[in-house]
Amino acid sequence: MSLEEEMLRLRKENELLRQQLALYQQTVPVAPEASAVAAPVLERPVESVQPADEGGILWPTPGEAFWERAPRTSPAPLAPGGSSQPPAPRDPQPLHIVHLTAEMAPIAKVGGLGDVVTGLARAALSRGHNVAVMLPFYQCLPPGEIEGLKHEMDVDVPKGYRWDGEMRGGIVYSNAVTTVSPTYAQEVLDGGAAGWLRSTFARPELRSKFHGILNGIDYSEWDPASDPLLPANFDAERPAGKAACKEFLQRGLGLEVNPRKPLVAVVSRLVPQKGIHLIRAALFRTLEAGGQFVLLGSGHSDPPFRQLAEGQFRDHPDVRLKIMYSERLAHQIYGAADVVVVPSMFEPCGLTQMIALRYGAVPLVRRTGGLADTVFDVDGPAAPPGSLGRNGFTFDGSDDGSLRGALDRALALYREQPGRWEALSRGNMRLDVSWAKSAQSYVDVYNSIAVRN
């Protein structure tokens, strides 16, 4: 597929997303604000779950590109409940914040940077700040989705060694430097993650101005209670829709429809950083354990998975490997998944595990970077104060055995302790993985360096 064809496909997908969001905004019910509810202890008894109302679901058929059309006759979002996010506080001294960036979701997105820019900008706006975003003019920008687009200036973009020097200069002479998680900041300073910038970050003055601030996810984009791309909406208090989402995905992908089989998912770019050999190990271990495995992703390391998809696992009742990118299908996979595997070799922050938590899945991650700051093993010691608590499964090694050990524990809990699994899933949906706390940390950094009249 040529670049022009890929851009046209992405533009059509964005248009479908925009249409679905418009439908949702017309039908969303209004309810009084509700305060956040603390996550439950895992051993808490689970109240009975009422079946989801399946009226209006447009059930897919195998072979259909069901993710490209609406999953329902009309959106049916839930009224705001106990898991709803309270309104952001207004900061007393508004700032003028400028994001100079290469990406901004959804109009110019390659990876997680685009989501971060949009999510942080919205969070700062909600706190009363004036936010502007400056990015390059790409010919693929959809003019119908951008109001007030204007040309500011021409910029010469340096490359190669000239760019290296300018990046070093920016780090050294800036008032503050941030990265996207506390653990990754420590890995940059002491663990070799800085790479060719190691000597720069070894400077003593860098430590005092280097801040690791955890990312969040944008709740206007990622909310299972109102997500128009799900066939049934759900939240911690009304979780029945998740089972309908699982059946919808099983039907659509041509998998065996079986609510008792654990559904293990990977949504990832397929590049070495993401732990390609560990994704493969998760696939085969899930199958050995009697579960189902779904992969959505593409990248320069995808040929082995493409071969498996077209060969050994073609039309397999328990495995589906979708070597492609689709934001719409990603939403439906998160809504259906029981376990989401993120076995990265390194990960500055990661949004996948946070989306998994939000959608009631249980993340299974390799403990590195931001993954170590957001996922804490249910069988491990008590999580640090102020953290998200014990909410998933972790492992440290980079070998297949380490991954298999964590996955075996997860699948055993799913099968042998369904009540505890249900409590874990619902507790994860109650966790705050929004931009609210992170935006406060960024505003604190901005205020620490602001020059006021």
Protein backbone atom coordinates (compact mmCIF):
# COMPACT_ATOMS: atom_id res chain seq x y z
CA MET A 1 0.00 0.00 0.00
CA SER A 2 1.42 3.41 -0.99
CA LEU A 3 1.74 6.30 1.46
CA GLU A 4 -1.07 8.16 -0.32
CA GLU A 5 -3.39 5.14 -0.05
CA GLU A 6 -2.55 4.69 3.63
CA MET A 7 -3.26 8.37 4.33
CA LEU A 8 -6.59 8.09 2.50
CA ARG A 9 -7.53 5.02 4.56
CA LEU A 10 -6.65 6.79 7.83
CA ARG A 11 -8.62 9.86 6.79
CA LYS A 12 -11.72 7.71 6.09
CA GLU A 13 -11.32 6.02 9.48
CA ASN A 14 -11.06 9.39 11.24
CA GLU A 15 -14.23 10.52 9.46
CA LEU A 16 -16.06 7.40 10.69
CA LEU A 17 -14.85 8.10 14.23
CA ARG A 18 -16.05 11.70 14.00
CA GLN A 19 -19.50 10.60 12.80
CA GLN A 20 -19.85 8.10 15.63
CA LEU A 21 -18.79 10.70 18.21
CA ALA A 22 -21.34 13.13 16.82
CA LEU A 23 -24.07 10.51 17.20
CA TYR A 24 -22.98 9.84 20.77
CA GLN A 25 -23.01 13.53 21.67
CA GLN A 26 -26.61 13.73 20.46
CA THR A 27 -27.76 10.81 22.63
CA VAL A 28 -25.64 10.94 25.79
CA PRO A 29 -27.85 11.20 28.89
CA VAL A 30 -27.25 13.81 31.54
CA ALA A 31 -26.95 12.91 35.21
CA PRO A 32 -25.75 14.68 38.35
CA GLU A 33 -22.03 14.68 39.02
CA ALA A 34 -20.74 11.79 41.09
CA SER A 35 -17.60 11.60 43.15
CA ALA A 36 -14.89 9.05 42.41
CA VAL A 37 -15.04 5.75 44.29
CA ALA A 38 -11.94 4.11 45.72
CA ALA A 39 -10.82 0.82 44.17
CA PRO A 40 -11.98 -2.27 46.07
CA VAL A 41 -9.82 -4.82 47.79
CA LEU A 42 -9.37 -7.86 45.52
CA GLU A 43 -10.95 -10.23 48.01
CA ARG A 44 -14.14 -8.14 48.21
CA PRO A 45 -17.28 -10.21 47.45
CA VAL A 46 -18.69 -9.54 44.01
CA GLU A 47 -22.31 -8.59 43.66
CA SER A 48 -24.31 -10.29 40.93
CA VAL A 49 -23.99 -8.85 37.44
CA GLN A 50 -27.17 -8.12 35.48
CA PRO A 51 -27.07 -9.20 31.81
CA ALA A 52 -26.39 -6.45 29.30
CA ASP A 53 -29.21 -5.16 27.16
CA GLU A 54 -28.21 -6.51 23.75
CA GLY A 55 -30.94 -4.69 21.86
CA GLY A 56 -29.52 -2.59 19.07
CA ILE A 57 -26.25 -4.52 18.66
CA LEU A 58 -25.39 -5.18 15.01
CA TRP A 59 -23.78 -8.58 15.45
CA PRO A 60 -20.94 -9.22 12.98
CA THR A 61 -20.37 -12.16 10.71
CA PRO A 62 -16.97 -13.83 10.10
CA GLY A 63 -15.10 -12.26 7.22
CA GLU A 64 -16.81 -8.90 7.64
CA ALA A 65 -14.70 -5.82 8.31
CA PHE A 66 -17.07 -5.10 11.19
CA TRP A 67 -14.80 -2.49 12.79
CA GLU A 68 -15.32 -0.18 9.82
CA ARG A 69 -19.03 0.32 10.53
CA ALA A 70 -21.11 1.19 13.58
CA PRO A 71 -21.46 -1.65 16.12
CA ARG A 72 -25.02 -0.60 17.05
CA THR A 73 -28.11 0.80 15.40
CA SER A 74 -27.53 3.87 17.59
CA PRO A 75 -25.16 4.67 20.49
CA ALA A 76 -26.35 3.71 23.97
CA PRO A 77 -23.96 5.33 26.45
CA LEU A 78 -24.48 4.79 30.16
CA ALA A 79 -25.52 7.63 32.42
CA PRO A 80 -22.55 8.94 34.43
CA GLY A 81 -21.99 6.76 37.50
CA GLY A 82 -19.59 6.24 40.36
CA SER A 83 -16.61 5.80 38.04
CA SER A 84 -17.15 9.17 36.38
CA GLN A 85 -14.35 11.70 36.62
CA PRO A 86 -15.05 14.83 38.68
CA PRO A 87 -14.53 18.19 36.95
CA ALA A 88 -10.97 19.51 36.94
CA PRO A 89 -10.12 22.30 39.39
CA ARG A 90 -9.40 25.74 37.93
CA ASP A 91 -5.93 27.07 38.56
CA PRO A 92 -5.84 30.59 40.05
CA GLN A 93 -3.10 31.89 37.72
CA PRO A 94 -3.76 30.97 34.07
CA LEU A 95 -0.68 30.35 31.93
CA HIS A 96 -0.11 30.62 28.19
CA ILE A 97 1.18 27.16 27.26
CA VAL A 98 2.58 26.31 23.82
CA HIS A 99 3.14 22.72 22.68
CA LEU A 100 5.63 22.56 19.82
CA THR A 101 5.22 19.02 18.50
CA ALA A 102 5.51 16.69 15.52
CA GLU A 103 2.22 14.89 16.26
CA MET A 104 -1.28 15.60 17.52
CA ALA A 105 -4.05 12.98 17.70
CA PRO A 106 -6.18 12.35 15.77
CA ILE A 107 -5.16 14.63 12.89
CA ALA A 108 -1.44 13.74 12.77
CA LYS A 109 -0.61 10.61 14.72
CA VAL A 110 2.05 7.93 14.34
CA GLY A 111 2.50 6.76 17.94
CA GLY A 112 1.73 7.66 21.52
CA LEU A 113 3.16 11.20 21.28
CA GLY A 114 0.07 12.36 19.40
CA ASP A 115 -2.20 11.09 22.19
CA VAL A 116 -0.06 12.73 24.87
CA VAL A 117 -0.09 16.13 23.17
CA THR A 118 -3.87 16.12 22.75
CA GLY A 119 -4.63 14.69 26.19
CA LEU A 120 -2.33 17.07 28.06
CA ALA A 121 -3.57 20.07 26.06
CA ARG A 122 -7.20 19.25 26.89
CA ALA A 123 -6.37 18.73 30.56
CA ALA A 124 -4.56 22.08 30.76
CA LEU A 125 -7.45 23.80 28.98
CA SER A 126 -9.91 22.32 31.47
CA ARG A 127 -7.85 23.89 34.27
CA GLY A 128 -8.31 27.34 32.74
CA HIS A 129 -5.02 27.75 30.86
CA ASN A 130 -4.56 29.14 27.36
CA VAL A 131 -3.05 26.36 25.24
CA ALA A 132 -1.70 26.55 21.69
CA VAL A 133 -0.33 23.65 19.66
CA MET A 134 2.19 24.22 16.88
CA LEU A 135 3.04 21.38 14.52
CA PRO A 136 4.37 21.00 10.98
CA PHE A 137 2.01 21.38 8.07
CA TYR A 138 1.46 17.90 6.69
CA GLN A 139 -0.41 17.52 3.41
CA CYS A 140 -2.45 14.74 5.00
CA LEU A 141 -3.97 17.08 7.62
CA PRO A 142 -7.78 16.91 7.30
CA PRO A 143 -8.85 20.56 6.75
CA GLY A 144 -12.48 19.82 7.66
CA GLU A 145 -11.47 18.82 11.20
CA ILE A 146 -9.34 21.87 12.01
CA GLU A 147 -10.75 25.30 12.78
CA GLY A 148 -8.61 28.39 12.50
CA LEU A 149 -5.65 26.62 10.89
CA LYS A 150 -3.07 29.22 9.90
CA HIS A 151 0.54 29.41 8.77
CA GLU A 152 2.86 30.82 11.45
CA MET A 153 6.35 30.54 9.99
CA ASP A 154 8.73 28.47 7.90
CA VAL A 155 11.18 26.43 9.95
CA ASP A 156 14.38 24.81 8.77
CA VAL A 157 14.40 21.31 10.26
CA PRO A 158 17.95 20.19 11.11
CA LYS A 159 19.01 16.61 10.53
CA GLY A 160 21.90 14.35 11.49
CA TYR A 161 24.71 15.72 13.64
CA ARG A 162 23.33 19.24 13.49
CA TRP A 163 20.10 17.99 15.10
CA ASP A 164 22.09 16.11 17.74
CA GLY A 165 23.85 19.30 18.74
CA GLU A 166 20.68 21.36 18.88
CA MET A 167 18.95 18.71 20.98
CA ARG A 168 21.84 18.69 23.45
CA GLY A 169 21.73 22.47 23.60
CA GLY A 170 18.00 22.46 24.27
CA ILE A 171 18.43 20.04 27.18
CA VAL A 172 21.38 21.89 28.70
CA TYR A 173 20.00 25.43 28.41
CA SER A 174 16.34 24.77 29.15
CA ASN A 175 14.84 25.69 32.51
CA ALA A 176 13.23 22.26 32.92
CA VAL A 177 13.31 18.90 31.14
CA THR A 178 10.54 16.32 31.39
CA THR A 179 10.03 12.72 30.41
CA VAL A 180 6.95 10.56 30.65
CA SER A 181 7.40 8.46 33.80
CA PRO A 182 9.43 8.53 37.04
CA THR A 183 11.05 5.13 36.45
CA TYR A 184 12.10 6.01 32.91
CA ALA A 185 13.60 9.26 34.22
CA GLN A 186 15.69 7.18 36.62
CA GLU A 187 16.67 4.82 33.80
CA VAL A 188 17.81 7.82 31.74
CA LEU A 189 19.94 9.21 34.58
CA ASP A 190 21.39 5.97 35.94
CA GLY A 191 20.42 3.02 33.76
CA GLY A 192 21.80 3.79 30.31
CA ALA A 193 18.45 4.69 28.69
CA ALA A 194 19.88 8.07 27.62
CA GLY A 195 21.95 6.35 24.91
CA TRP A 196 24.05 8.86 23.00
CA LEU A 197 22.87 11.60 25.40
CA ARG A 198 24.37 9.80 28.40
CA SER A 199 27.17 12.34 28.87
CA THR A 200 24.65 15.18 28.71
CA PHE A 201 22.41 13.69 31.39
CA ALA A 202 25.46 12.93 33.54
CA ARG A 203 25.87 16.66 34.17
CA PRO A 204 25.02 17.37 37.86
CA GLU A 205 22.74 20.29 37.09
CA LEU A 206 20.47 18.04 34.99
CA ARG A 207 19.24 16.03 37.97
CA SER A 208 17.60 18.98 39.69
CA LYS A 209 15.63 20.08 36.60
CA PHE A 210 14.74 16.67 35.14
CA HIS A 211 11.18 15.54 35.94
CA GLY A 212 9.53 12.20 35.24
CA ILE A 213 5.77 12.80 34.98
CA LEU A 214 3.53 9.86 34.23
CA ASN A 215 1.24 10.11 31.22
CA GLY A 216 -2.51 9.72 31.43
CA ILE A 217 -5.16 8.77 28.92
CA ASP A 218 -7.79 11.07 27.46
CA TYR A 219 -11.14 10.10 28.96
CA SER A 220 -13.01 11.83 26.14
CA GLU A 221 -11.47 9.22 23.84
CA TRP A 222 -11.15 6.21 26.16
CA ASP A 223 -14.26 5.67 28.28
CA PRO A 224 -16.03 2.29 28.15
CA ALA A 225 -19.19 3.84 29.58
CA SER A 226 -19.68 6.07 26.53
CA ASP A 227 -17.34 4.73 23.82
CA PRO A 228 -19.43 4.77 20.59
CA LEU A 229 -17.17 2.13 19.03
CA LEU A 230 -18.24 -0.56 21.52
CA PRO A 231 -21.29 -2.74 20.88
CA ALA A 232 -22.24 -2.41 24.56
CA ASN A 233 -21.06 0.14 27.10
CA PHE A 234 -20.02 -0.71 30.64
CA ASP A 235 -18.28 0.55 33.76
CA ALA A 236 -17.29 -0.76 37.20
CA GLU A 237 -20.82 -0.54 38.57
CA ARG A 238 -22.47 -1.86 35.38
CA PRO A 239 -19.93 -4.32 33.95
CA ALA A 240 -22.23 -6.65 31.99
CA GLY A 241 -21.51 -4.94 28.67
CA LYS A 242 -17.97 -6.27 28.70
CA ALA A 243 -19.24 -9.82 28.15
CA ALA A 244 -21.26 -8.61 25.16
CA CYS A 245 -18.12 -6.92 23.79
CA LYS A 246 -16.24 -10.21 24.12
CA GLU A 247 -18.91 -12.15 22.25
CA PHE A 248 -19.04 -9.44 19.56
CA LEU A 249 -15.31 -9.68 18.96
CA GLN A 250 -15.31 -13.48 19.00
CA ARG A 251 -18.08 -13.55 16.40
CA GLY A 252 -16.52 -10.88 14.24
CA LEU A 253 -13.05 -12.46 14.18
CA GLY A 254 -14.42 -15.95 13.59
CA LEU A 255 -13.27 -17.30 16.95
CA GLU A 256 -15.13 -19.87 19.00
CA VAL A 257 -17.82 -18.02 20.95
CA ASN A 258 -17.05 -19.13 24.50
CA PRO A 259 -17.32 -16.73 27.46
CA ARG A 260 -15.30 -19.09 29.67
CA LYS A 261 -12.16 -18.97 27.54
CA PRO A 262 -9.76 -16.21 28.63
CA LEU A 263 -9.17 -13.72 25.84
CA VAL A 264 -5.54 -12.54 25.77
CA ALA A 265 -4.79 -9.52 23.56
CA VAL A 266 -1.81 -7.59 22.26
CA VAL A 267 -2.30 -4.17 20.65
CA SER A 268 1.10 -2.89 19.63
CA ARG A 269 3.47 -1.64 17.02
CA LEU A 270 5.47 -4.68 15.90
CA VAL A 271 9.01 -3.43 16.37
CA PRO A 272 11.89 -4.86 18.47
CA GLN A 273 11.27 -2.43 21.34
CA LYS A 274 7.88 -4.08 21.98
CA GLY A 275 9.34 -7.53 22.75
CA ILE A 276 8.56 -9.42 19.54
CA HIS A 277 9.82 -12.77 20.84
CA LEU A 278 7.74 -12.37 24.01
CA ILE A 279 4.58 -11.60 22.03
CA ARG A 280 5.17 -14.84 20.14
CA ALA A 281 5.73 -16.70 23.42
CA ALA A 282 2.44 -15.29 24.78
CA LEU A 283 0.60 -16.51 21.69
CA PHE A 284 1.74 -20.11 21.99
CA ARG A 285 1.43 -20.25 25.80
CA THR A 286 -2.14 -18.92 25.66
CA LEU A 287 -3.04 -21.58 23.13
CA GLU A 288 -1.41 -24.33 25.22
CA ALA A 289 -3.44 -23.18 28.23
CA GLY A 290 -6.75 -23.32 26.35
CA GLY A 291 -7.21 -19.57 25.92
CA GLN A 292 -7.78 -17.32 22.93
CA PHE A 293 -5.23 -14.87 21.52
CA VAL A 294 -5.81 -11.74 19.45
CA LEU A 295 -3.05 -9.54 18.01
CA LEU A 296 -3.52 -6.16 16.36
CA GLY A 297 -0.42 -4.41 15.08
CA SER A 298 2.02 -3.73 12.30
CA GLY A 299 5.62 -2.61 11.90
CA HIS A 300 8.91 -3.64 10.34
CA SER A 301 9.05 -6.73 12.58
CA ASP A 302 5.65 -8.07 11.50
CA PRO A 303 6.64 -10.61 8.75
CA PRO A 304 6.84 -13.59 11.17
CA PHE A 305 3.35 -12.82 12.48
CA ARG A 306 2.04 -12.32 8.97
CA GLN A 307 3.35 -15.80 8.08
CA LEU A 308 1.66 -17.29 11.13
CA ALA A 309 -1.60 -15.47 10.30
CA GLU A 310 -1.63 -16.79 6.73
CA GLY A 311 -0.34 -20.25 7.59
CA GLN A 312 -0.53 -22.07 10.90
CA PHE A 313 -3.30 -19.89 12.37
CA ARG A 314 -5.39 -19.23 9.29
CA ASP A 315 -9.03 -19.81 10.32
CA HIS A 316 -7.94 -21.05 13.75
CA PRO A 317 -10.84 -21.07 16.25
CA ASP A 318 -8.75 -19.56 19.07
CA VAL A 319 -6.19 -17.28 17.38
CA ARG A 320 -6.56 -14.23 15.20
CA LEU A 321 -3.58 -12.16 14.09
CA LYS A 322 -4.58 -8.87 12.45
CA ILE A 323 -1.42 -7.38 10.91
CA MET A 324 -2.75 -3.89 10.39
CA TYR A 325 -3.55 -0.64 12.15
CA SER A 326 -7.10 0.29 13.12
CA GLU A 327 -8.00 2.62 15.96
CA ARG A 328 -11.59 1.43 15.75
CA LEU A 329 -10.70 -2.26 16.10
CA ALA A 330 -8.33 -1.39 18.96
CA HIS A 331 -11.26 0.03 20.96
CA GLN A 332 -13.23 -3.19 20.44
CA ILE A 333 -10.30 -5.39 21.43
CA TYR A 334 -9.77 -3.46 24.67
CA GLY A 335 -13.49 -3.72 25.39
CA ALA A 336 -13.41 -7.51 24.94
CA ALA A 337 -10.03 -8.51 26.40
CA ASP A 338 -9.54 -10.27 29.71
CA VAL A 339 -5.73 -9.90 29.66
CA VAL A 340 -3.66 -7.34 27.75
CA VAL A 341 0.03 -8.22 27.35
CA VAL A 342 2.67 -5.46 27.11
CA PRO A 343 6.11 -7.18 27.15
CA SER A 344 8.26 -4.21 26.08
CA MET A 345 12.05 -4.32 26.24
CA PHE A 346 11.92 -0.65 27.24
CA GLU A 347 8.93 1.65 27.57
CA PRO A 348 9.17 5.34 28.48
CA CYS A 349 5.54 5.26 29.64
CA GLY A 350 3.07 3.26 27.58
CA LEU A 351 -0.63 3.99 27.17
CA THR A 352 -1.74 0.44 26.35
CA GLN A 353 -1.69 -0.78 29.94
CA MET A 354 -3.65 2.28 31.11
CA ILE A 355 -6.33 1.77 28.46
CA ALA A 356 -6.49 -1.89 29.50
CA LEU A 357 -7.13 -0.86 33.12
CA ARG A 358 -9.78 1.63 32.07
CA TYR A 359 -11.59 -1.05 30.04
CA GLY A 360 -11.56 -3.64 32.82
CA ALA A 361 -8.82 -5.84 31.42
CA VAL A 362 -5.90 -7.09 33.51
CA PRO A 363 -2.52 -5.90 32.21
CA LEU A 364 0.46 -8.27 32.10
CA VAL A 365 3.67 -6.31 31.60
CA ARG A 366 7.42 -6.51 31.68
CA ARG A 367 8.53 -4.30 34.58
CA THR A 368 10.35 -1.42 32.89
CA GLY A 369 9.87 2.34 32.53
CA GLY A 370 6.29 3.54 32.84
CA LEU A 371 5.00 -0.03 32.96
CA ALA A 372 6.71 -0.38 36.34
CA ASP A 373 4.99 2.82 37.53
CA THR A 374 1.46 1.76 36.58
CA VAL A 375 1.15 -2.04 36.96
CA PHE A 376 1.76 -3.81 40.28
CA ASP A 377 1.59 -7.58 40.66
CA VAL A 378 -1.45 -8.98 42.44
CA ASP A 379 0.78 -11.61 44.04
CA GLY A 380 3.54 -9.18 44.99
CA PRO A 381 4.17 -6.92 47.98
CA ALA A 382 1.92 -3.99 48.74
CA ALA A 383 2.08 -1.31 46.06
CA PRO A 384 3.71 2.03 46.98
CA PRO A 385 1.48 4.68 48.61
CA GLY A 386 -0.18 6.88 46.01
CA SER A 387 0.18 4.27 43.26
CA LEU A 388 -2.57 2.46 41.38
CA GLY A 389 -2.34 -0.55 43.71
CA ARG A 390 -2.03 -4.22 42.83
CA ASN A 391 -3.81 -4.40 39.50
CA GLY A 392 -2.11 -6.90 37.17
CA PHE A 393 0.81 -9.25 36.59
CA THR A 394 4.47 -8.37 36.09
CA PHE A 395 7.75 -10.07 35.24
CA ASP A 396 11.35 -8.88 35.04
CA GLY A 397 13.26 -11.15 32.67
CA SER A 398 13.48 -10.87 28.90
CA ASP A 399 13.25 -14.63 28.32
CA ASP A 400 10.23 -16.69 27.30
CA GLY A 401 10.13 -18.44 30.67
CA SER A 402 9.63 -15.19 32.58
CA LEU A 403 6.69 -14.26 30.36
CA ARG A 404 5.17 -17.72 30.62
CA GLY A 405 5.39 -17.70 34.41
CA ALA A 406 3.39 -14.47 34.68
CA LEU A 407 0.88 -15.56 32.04
CA ASP A 408 0.34 -18.93 33.76
CA ARG A 409 -0.46 -17.12 37.02
CA ALA A 410 -2.92 -14.82 35.25
CA LEU A 411 -4.76 -17.63 33.47
CA ALA A 412 -4.86 -19.72 36.66
CA LEU A 413 -6.50 -16.84 38.55
CA TYR A 414 -9.02 -16.35 35.73
CA ARG A 415 -10.07 -20.01 35.81
CA GLU A 416 -9.74 -20.91 39.48
CA GLN A 417 -10.91 -17.72 41.22
CA PRO A 418 -13.57 -16.08 39.02
CA GLY A 419 -14.86 -13.96 41.89
CA ARG A 420 -11.45 -12.50 42.57
CA TRP A 421 -10.90 -11.94 38.84
CA GLU A 422 -14.20 -10.08 38.57
CA ALA A 423 -13.27 -7.89 41.53
CA LEU A 424 -9.88 -7.18 39.94
CA SER A 425 -11.46 -6.23 36.63
CA ARG A 426 -14.00 -3.92 38.23
CA GLY A 427 -11.41 -2.43 40.56
CA ASN A 428 -9.21 -1.60 37.57
CA MET A 429 -12.07 0.31 35.96
CA ARG A 430 -12.29 2.52 39.07
CA LEU A 431 -8.61 3.54 38.97
CA ASP A 432 -7.78 7.09 37.93
CA VAL A 433 -5.55 6.85 34.86
CA SER A 434 -6.70 10.20 33.47
CA TRP A 435 -4.60 13.27 32.82
CA ALA A 436 -5.93 15.01 35.95
CA LYS A 437 -3.02 14.28 38.33
CA SER A 438 -0.38 14.47 35.60
CA ALA A 439 -1.67 17.81 34.33
CA GLN A 440 -1.31 19.19 37.85
CA SER A 441 2.34 18.02 37.87
CA TYR A 442 3.02 19.71 34.52
CA VAL A 443 1.39 22.94 35.71
CA ASP A 444 3.60 22.80 38.82
CA VAL A 445 6.68 22.56 36.58
CA TYR A 446 5.44 25.40 34.38
CA ASN A 447 4.82 27.61 37.43
CA SER A 448 8.28 26.83 38.80
CA ILE A 449 9.92 28.38 35.73
CA ALA A 450 7.30 31.00 34.75
CA VAL A 451 8.34 34.63 34.56
CA ARG A 452 5.48 36.85 35.73
CA ASN A 453 5.05 40.60 35.44
